[in-house]
Amino acid sequence: MTISKIIKNHKAFSLIEILIVMTIVGILLSLGLPTMYNSLAEYKLNMAARQVQADMHWAREQAVKERNNFTIYFPTGLKQYTVNRSGYDLQYRRELPAGVRIHATSFYYDKDRAYFSVDGRVINPTMGGTVMLENERGHLRYIILSRNGRVRISKEAPGAGE
């Protein structure tokens, strides 16, 4: 078979077939992109919550190791927080992922600060507190600090005794 015969027998796609395929691809993309966007927003929120939890663990460990109080300052409405030694000696500043912000805090000793004492506990031994992170979709993650220094993440608001 010669090349000229192969070319003559080769059929191309018609304009209608191309338009139908493009329409189907467009519909599938329009269905998939919002789901992918929600998944990305949830991923960023979960990643930020895990980072706050890790920084709380680090501050607690450093308080015990250095025999010095450590503080994490969570300014409500902002997209960053700071970890400090002895109140205001800045150790580092942490930026939250794009689209995630500090929604609210509920620490009982000082509303927007988590304090760790030299024994690794929260400075006010009767209460802990909570950091609430929010993404652009309005979803929340709660980082709950117990009075003994334990840190956990929840999708649900903590109970009255936590």
C-alpha atoms as a PDB file:
ATOM      1  CA  MET A   1       0.000   0.000   0.000  1.00  0.00           C
ATOM      2  CA  THR A   2       1.424   3.366  -0.969  1.00  0.00           C
ATOM      3  CA  ILE A   3       1.457   6.521   1.098  1.00  0.00           C
ATOM      4  CA  SER A   4      -0.940   8.323  -1.241  1.00  0.00           C
ATOM      5  CA  LYS A   5      -3.570   5.581  -0.744  1.00  0.00           C
ATOM      6  CA  ILE A   6      -3.174   5.748   3.054  1.00  0.00           C
ATOM      7  CA  ILE A   7      -3.678   9.505   3.010  1.00  0.00           C
ATOM      8  CA  LYS A   8      -6.763   9.256   0.767  1.00  0.00           C
ATOM      9  CA  ASN A   9      -8.344   6.573   2.994  1.00  0.00           C
ATOM     10  CA  HIS A  10      -7.663   8.497   6.218  1.00  0.00           C
ATOM     11  CA  LYS A  11     -10.749  10.212   7.545  1.00  0.00           C
ATOM     12  CA  ALA A  12     -10.579  13.270   9.799  1.00  0.00           C
ATOM     13  CA  PHE A  13     -12.940  14.251  12.588  1.00  0.00           C
ATOM     14  CA  SER A  14     -15.828  16.422  11.538  1.00  0.00           C
ATOM     15  CA  LEU A  15     -16.472  19.790  13.141  1.00  0.00           C
ATOM     16  CA  ILE A  16     -19.568  18.388  14.882  1.00  0.00           C
ATOM     17  CA  GLU A  17     -17.558  15.547  16.482  1.00  0.00           C
ATOM     18  CA  ILE A  18     -14.915  17.978  17.742  1.00  0.00           C
ATOM     19  CA  LEU A  19     -17.591  20.294  19.203  1.00  0.00           C
ATOM     20  CA  ILE A  20     -19.319  17.392  20.964  1.00  0.00           C
ATOM     21  CA  VAL A  21     -16.048  16.219  22.526  1.00  0.00           C
ATOM     22  CA  MET A  22     -15.173  19.782  23.629  1.00  0.00           C
ATOM     23  CA  THR A  23     -18.642  20.181  25.180  1.00  0.00           C
ATOM     24  CA  ILE A  24     -18.286  16.917  27.126  1.00  0.00           C
ATOM     25  CA  VAL A  25     -14.819  17.913  28.354  1.00  0.00           C
ATOM     26  CA  GLY A  26     -16.160  21.337  29.394  1.00  0.00           C
ATOM     27  CA  ILE A  27     -19.027  19.771  31.356  1.00  0.00           C
ATOM     28  CA  LEU A  28     -16.680  17.349  33.131  1.00  0.00           C
ATOM     29  CA  LEU A  29     -14.306  20.175  34.050  1.00  0.00           C
ATOM     30  CA  SER A  30     -17.147  22.344  35.350  1.00  0.00           C
ATOM     31  CA  LEU A  31     -18.238  19.474  37.600  1.00  0.00           C
ATOM     32  CA  GLY A  32     -14.744  18.629  38.829  1.00  0.00           C
ATOM     33  CA  LEU A  33     -13.186  22.036  39.483  1.00  0.00           C
ATOM     34  CA  PRO A  34     -15.433  23.085  42.410  1.00  0.00           C
ATOM     35  CA  THR A  35     -14.766  19.768  44.114  1.00  0.00           C
ATOM     36  CA  MET A  36     -11.048  20.174  43.564  1.00  0.00           C
ATOM     37  CA  TYR A  37     -11.199  23.761  44.898  1.00  0.00           C
ATOM     38  CA  ASN A  38     -13.035  22.592  48.051  1.00  0.00           C
ATOM     39  CA  SER A  39     -10.488  19.823  48.539  1.00  0.00           C
ATOM     40  CA  LEU A  40      -7.616  22.300  48.231  1.00  0.00           C
ATOM     41  CA  ALA A  41      -9.230  24.673  50.762  1.00  0.00           C
ATOM     42  CA  GLU A  42      -9.769  21.774  53.202  1.00  0.00           C
ATOM     43  CA  TYR A  43      -6.193  20.587  52.683  1.00  0.00           C
ATOM     44  CA  LYS A  44      -4.818  24.053  53.506  1.00  0.00           C
ATOM     45  CA  LEU A  45      -7.010  24.281  56.623  1.00  0.00           C
ATOM     46  CA  ASN A  46      -5.914  20.839  57.856  1.00  0.00           C
ATOM     47  CA  MET A  47      -2.274  21.646  57.084  1.00  0.00           C
ATOM     48  CA  ALA A  48      -2.512  24.904  59.070  1.00  0.00           C
ATOM     49  CA  ALA A  49      -4.126  23.115  62.026  1.00  0.00           C
ATOM     50  CA  ARG A  50      -1.362  20.490  62.054  1.00  0.00           C
ATOM     51  CA  GLN A  51       1.268  23.252  61.934  1.00  0.00           C
ATOM     52  CA  VAL A  52      -0.294  25.072  64.914  1.00  0.00           C
ATOM     53  CA  GLN A  53      -0.415  21.769  66.789  1.00  0.00           C
ATOM     54  CA  ALA A  54       3.256  21.080  65.985  1.00  0.00           C
ATOM     55  CA  ASP A  55       4.273  24.581  67.101  1.00  0.00           C
ATOM     56  CA  MET A  56       2.391  24.117  70.379  1.00  0.00           C
ATOM     57  CA  HIS A  57       4.245  20.826  70.934  1.00  0.00           C
ATOM     58  CA  TRP A  58       7.538  22.546  70.135  1.00  0.00           C
ATOM     59  CA  ALA A  59       6.863  25.462  72.518  1.00  0.00           C
ATOM     60  CA  ARG A  60       5.906  23.029  75.282  1.00  0.00           C
ATOM     61  CA  GLU A  61       9.065  20.966  74.743  1.00  0.00           C
ATOM     62  CA  GLN A  62      11.250  24.077  74.705  1.00  0.00           C
ATOM     63  CA  ALA A  63       9.672  25.355  77.933  1.00  0.00           C
ATOM     64  CA  VAL A  64      10.656  22.123  79.677  1.00  0.00           C
ATOM     65  CA  LYS A  65      14.061  21.851  78.005  1.00  0.00           C
ATOM     66  CA  GLU A  66      15.139  25.458  78.639  1.00  0.00           C
ATOM     67  CA  ARG A  67      13.333  25.805  81.995  1.00  0.00           C
ATOM     68  CA  ASN A  68      11.737  28.982  80.646  1.00  0.00           C
ATOM     69  CA  ASN A  69       8.132  29.970  79.914  1.00  0.00           C
ATOM     70  CA  PHE A  70       7.039  30.022  76.269  1.00  0.00           C
ATOM     71  CA  THR A  71       4.103  31.874  74.724  1.00  0.00           C
ATOM     72  CA  ILE A  72       2.301  31.555  71.397  1.00  0.00           C
ATOM     73  CA  TYR A  73       0.460  34.724  70.395  1.00  0.00           C
ATOM     74  CA  PHE A  74      -2.570  34.262  68.083  1.00  0.00           C
ATOM     75  CA  PRO A  75      -3.885  37.681  66.926  1.00  0.00           C
ATOM     76  CA  THR A  76      -7.526  37.160  65.900  1.00  0.00           C
ATOM     77  CA  GLY A  77      -8.302  37.872  62.249  1.00  0.00           C
ATOM     78  CA  LEU A  78      -4.700  37.687  61.067  1.00  0.00           C
ATOM     79  CA  LYS A  79      -2.913  35.059  59.011  1.00  0.00           C
ATOM     80  CA  GLN A  80       0.117  34.657  61.269  1.00  0.00           C
ATOM     81  CA  TYR A  81       1.139  33.943  64.836  1.00  0.00           C
ATOM     82  CA  THR A  82       4.347  34.183  66.856  1.00  0.00           C
ATOM     83  CA  VAL A  83       6.182  31.892  69.252  1.00  0.00           C
ATOM     84  CA  ASN A  84       8.001  33.724  72.051  1.00  0.00           C
ATOM     85  CA  ARG A  85      10.287  32.868  74.953  1.00  0.00           C
ATOM     86  CA  SER A  86       9.438  34.482  78.326  1.00  0.00           C
ATOM     87  CA  GLY A  87       6.550  36.466  76.889  1.00  0.00           C
ATOM     88  CA  TYR A  88       8.036  38.703  74.203  1.00  0.00           C
ATOM     89  CA  ASP A  89      11.430  37.304  73.150  1.00  0.00           C
ATOM     90  CA  LEU A  90      10.460  36.383  69.572  1.00  0.00           C
ATOM     91  CA  GLN A  91      11.594  32.910  68.493  1.00  0.00           C
ATOM     92  CA  TYR A  92       9.790  32.862  65.137  1.00  0.00           C
ATOM     93  CA  ARG A  93       6.751  34.090  63.236  1.00  0.00           C
ATOM     94  CA  ARG A  94       4.585  31.576  61.368  1.00  0.00           C
ATOM     95  CA  GLU A  95       2.487  32.498  58.321  1.00  0.00           C
ATOM     96  CA  LEU A  96      -0.680  30.481  57.763  1.00  0.00           C
ATOM     97  CA  PRO A  97      -1.407  29.129  54.255  1.00  0.00           C
ATOM     98  CA  ALA A  98      -3.228  31.417  51.819  1.00  0.00           C
ATOM     99  CA  GLY A  99      -6.953  31.479  52.546  1.00  0.00           C
ATOM    100  CA  VAL A 100      -6.612  30.462  56.225  1.00  0.00           C
ATOM    101  CA  ARG A 101      -6.876  32.893  59.137  1.00  0.00           C
ATOM    102  CA  ILE A 102      -7.168  32.858  62.915  1.00  0.00           C
ATOM    103  CA  HIS A 103     -10.925  33.073  63.491  1.00  0.00           C
ATOM    104  CA  ALA A 104     -10.954  33.269  67.296  1.00  0.00           C
ATOM    105  CA  THR A 105      -9.158  32.117  70.437  1.00  0.00           C
ATOM    106  CA  SER A 106     -10.428  31.189  73.873  1.00  0.00           C
ATOM    107  CA  PHE A 107      -7.498  30.938  76.254  1.00  0.00           C
ATOM    108  CA  TYR A 108      -8.536  31.611  79.810  1.00  0.00           C
ATOM    109  CA  TYR A 109      -5.369  33.175  81.220  1.00  0.00           C
ATOM    110  CA  ASP A 110      -4.927  35.666  78.372  1.00  0.00           C
ATOM    111  CA  LYS A 111      -7.482  35.533  75.546  1.00  0.00           C
ATOM    112  CA  ASP A 112      -5.080  35.364  72.580  1.00  0.00           C
ATOM    113  CA  ARG A 113      -2.007  33.706  74.096  1.00  0.00           C
ATOM    114  CA  ALA A 114      -1.130  30.144  74.998  1.00  0.00           C
ATOM    115  CA  TYR A 115       1.377  30.030  77.859  1.00  0.00           C
ATOM    116  CA  PHE A 116       3.559  27.006  78.617  1.00  0.00           C
ATOM    117  CA  SER A 117       5.340  26.818  81.964  1.00  0.00           C
ATOM    118  CA  VAL A 118       8.634  25.121  82.769  1.00  0.00           C
ATOM    119  CA  ASP A 119       6.827  21.864  83.613  1.00  0.00           C
ATOM    120  CA  GLY A 120       5.136  21.776  80.171  1.00  0.00           C
ATOM    121  CA  ARG A 121       1.695  22.633  81.461  1.00  0.00           C
ATOM    122  CA  VAL A 122      -0.471  25.587  80.634  1.00  0.00           C
ATOM    123  CA  ILE A 123       0.372  28.471  83.001  1.00  0.00           C
ATOM    124  CA  ASN A 124      -3.171  28.694  84.394  1.00  0.00           C
ATOM    125  CA  PRO A 125      -3.452  25.093  85.627  1.00  0.00           C
ATOM    126  CA  THR A 126      -7.242  25.034  85.807  1.00  0.00           C
ATOM    127  CA  MET A 127      -7.938  25.811  82.135  1.00  0.00           C
ATOM    128  CA  GLY A 128      -6.562  25.324  78.639  1.00  0.00           C
ATOM    129  CA  GLY A 129      -7.946  26.988  75.545  1.00  0.00           C
ATOM    130  CA  THR A 130      -8.749  26.765  71.860  1.00  0.00           C
ATOM    131  CA  VAL A 131      -7.503  28.292  68.606  1.00  0.00           C
ATOM    132  CA  MET A 132     -10.090  28.360  65.820  1.00  0.00           C
ATOM    133  CA  LEU A 133      -8.816  28.498  62.256  1.00  0.00           C
ATOM    134  CA  GLU A 134     -11.113  29.360  59.337  1.00  0.00           C
ATOM    135  CA  ASN A 135     -10.665  28.931  55.593  1.00  0.00           C
ATOM    136  CA  GLU A 136     -12.223  31.016  52.797  1.00  0.00           C
ATOM    137  CA  ARG A 137     -15.175  28.599  52.631  1.00  0.00           C
ATOM    138  CA  GLY A 138     -16.042  29.272  56.291  1.00  0.00           C
ATOM    139  CA  HIS A 139     -14.956  25.834  57.521  1.00  0.00           C
ATOM    140  CA  LEU A 140     -13.364  25.693  60.956  1.00  0.00           C
ATOM    141  CA  ARG A 141     -10.716  23.602  62.695  1.00  0.00           C
ATOM    142  CA  TYR A 142     -10.295  23.712  66.448  1.00  0.00           C
ATOM    143  CA  ILE A 143      -6.862  23.256  67.986  1.00  0.00           C
ATOM    144  CA  ILE A 144      -7.631  22.386  71.601  1.00  0.00           C
ATOM    145  CA  LEU A 145      -5.015  22.813  74.330  1.00  0.00           C
ATOM    146  CA  SER A 146      -5.812  21.010  77.586  1.00  0.00           C
ATOM    147  CA  ARG A 147      -4.624  22.262  80.959  1.00  0.00           C
ATOM    148  CA  ASN A 148      -1.915  19.574  81.115  1.00  0.00           C
ATOM    149  CA  GLY A 149      -0.462  20.691  77.751  1.00  0.00           C
ATOM    150  CA  ARG A 150      -2.040  18.037  75.498  1.00  0.00           C
ATOM    151  CA  VAL A 151      -2.921  19.378  72.040  1.00  0.00           C
ATOM    152  CA  ARG A 152      -5.491  17.916  69.662  1.00  0.00           C
ATOM    153  CA  ILE A 153      -7.317  18.951  66.481  1.00  0.00           C
ATOM    154  CA  SER A 154     -11.070  18.658  65.985  1.00  0.00           C
ATOM    155  CA  LYS A 155     -13.696  19.561  63.411  1.00  0.00           C
ATOM    156  CA  GLU A 156     -16.139  19.987  66.296  1.00  0.00           C
ATOM    157  CA  ALA A 157     -16.155  22.764  68.883  1.00  0.00           C
ATOM    158  CA  PRO A 158     -14.825  21.596  72.255  1.00  0.00           C
ATOM    159  CA  GLY A 159     -17.224  20.791  75.074  1.00  0.00           C
ATOM    160  CA  ALA A 160     -17.718  22.978  78.114  1.00  0.00           C
ATOM    161  CA  GLY A 161     -15.180  21.039  80.188  1.00  0.00           C
ATOM    162  CA  GLU A 162     -12.343  21.268  77.663  1.00  0.00           C
END
